[in-house]
Amino acid sequence: MLRPHVKTHKMPEIVRMQKNHGIRKFKCATIAEAEMTAGCGAEEILLAYQPVGPNINRFFGLKKKFTEIKISCIADCGDVIRQLSENAVKNNTVTSVWLDINNGMNRTGVTPGEEAYKLFKMISDLPMLQPEGLHVYDGQIHENDFSLREKFCNDAFLPVKSLLSDLARSGSGRVKVVAGGTPTFPIHAKRSGVETSPGTTLLWDYGYSSSFADLDFLHAAVLFSRVISKPESDLICIDLGTKAVSSEMPQPRVKITGLANYEFVSHNEEHMVIRTSEASKISIGDVFYCIPYHICPTVDRFDKVSVVRNGKVTEQWKVEARKREITV
């Protein structure tokens, strides 16, 4: 079962496209993403980010604004779980909480075991909270070889299966699970009762297409760039600086289509300098289409995107959820 992540695209038009194909559940990373998705009429939304500080009030403000939608969140800390309960009581709203599990990524979550068991029971016992299930993100697993990726994914999931068995024996019944990102979602999709939450699949990028031959998705996001200078005989400079493409990773940060031999020389706020033996054939003003290496933070840098159909721009879509705040 799919519960796709909206963090990659952040656009209501894409959520509506998914809804037209029968998808009713979504996963979000921010309150703004959740509000954008709720505005599209989703049936269920998981905020896969533990709300702390002011975001607890924002989370309940979101639930109050969209009472007809089931909006849940994750938690991995007793103090936050208690705060969620207190706010649920104050707002008189039953609140679903997923226990966030750390099965190897070491970014958030609680390790499967006794502490996780106690926290799940805490969610069950505190007033106005409802344990929704386990949230298991294994973003540390990204081996190129599918058989190796599958082995690591299954091995990392074993402690989760043990926790699920313990919870079932304690009377919790069948506990739901949301698991995996794009590299591991085909593996988790084979498990009974597990929802998968890929995000990158919607637009795809050069990083994943060059790494995962088993995931045969099409690139749907391309950056339009022009040559703005030729500072040396073998150098060209294009207007694709770090403000236009995700730069948290080393080069290559884009795949330049239509250019065979090139290397990246420098990358600054507004400039990308490229060395190529084909520079003499290139003129200032020439267009290059570039496929981002990492699409998710790249989309977040733009207010709108142009939609191309049959080689022509037909409309523009707002990247609505790149805002830190919409109304809530």
Foldseek 3Di string as FASTA:
>chain_A
DAAAEALLQLFLVVLLVVVVVPDQHYEYAALLSVLSNVVSPRQEYEHAYQDDDCSLVSQVVSCVVRVNHQYAYEDADPVSLVVNLVVCVVSVAQHEYAAEEELDPPPDGHHQDDSSLVVLVVQVPRPSGDYQAHEEEDPVQQALDLVVSLVVVVVSCVSVVVSQVVCCVVPVNHGAYEYYEVRCQVNCVPDPRYYYYYYCLVQHFPQNVVRHVPNDGDHRDKDKWFFADAPDQFKTKIQCACLQFPDPDDPPQKDWPPADDKDWDDHHHGITMIGHPCSVVDDGGDMIIITGSRRSVNSLSDQKDFHDDPRDGDDITGSRSSDNDDPD
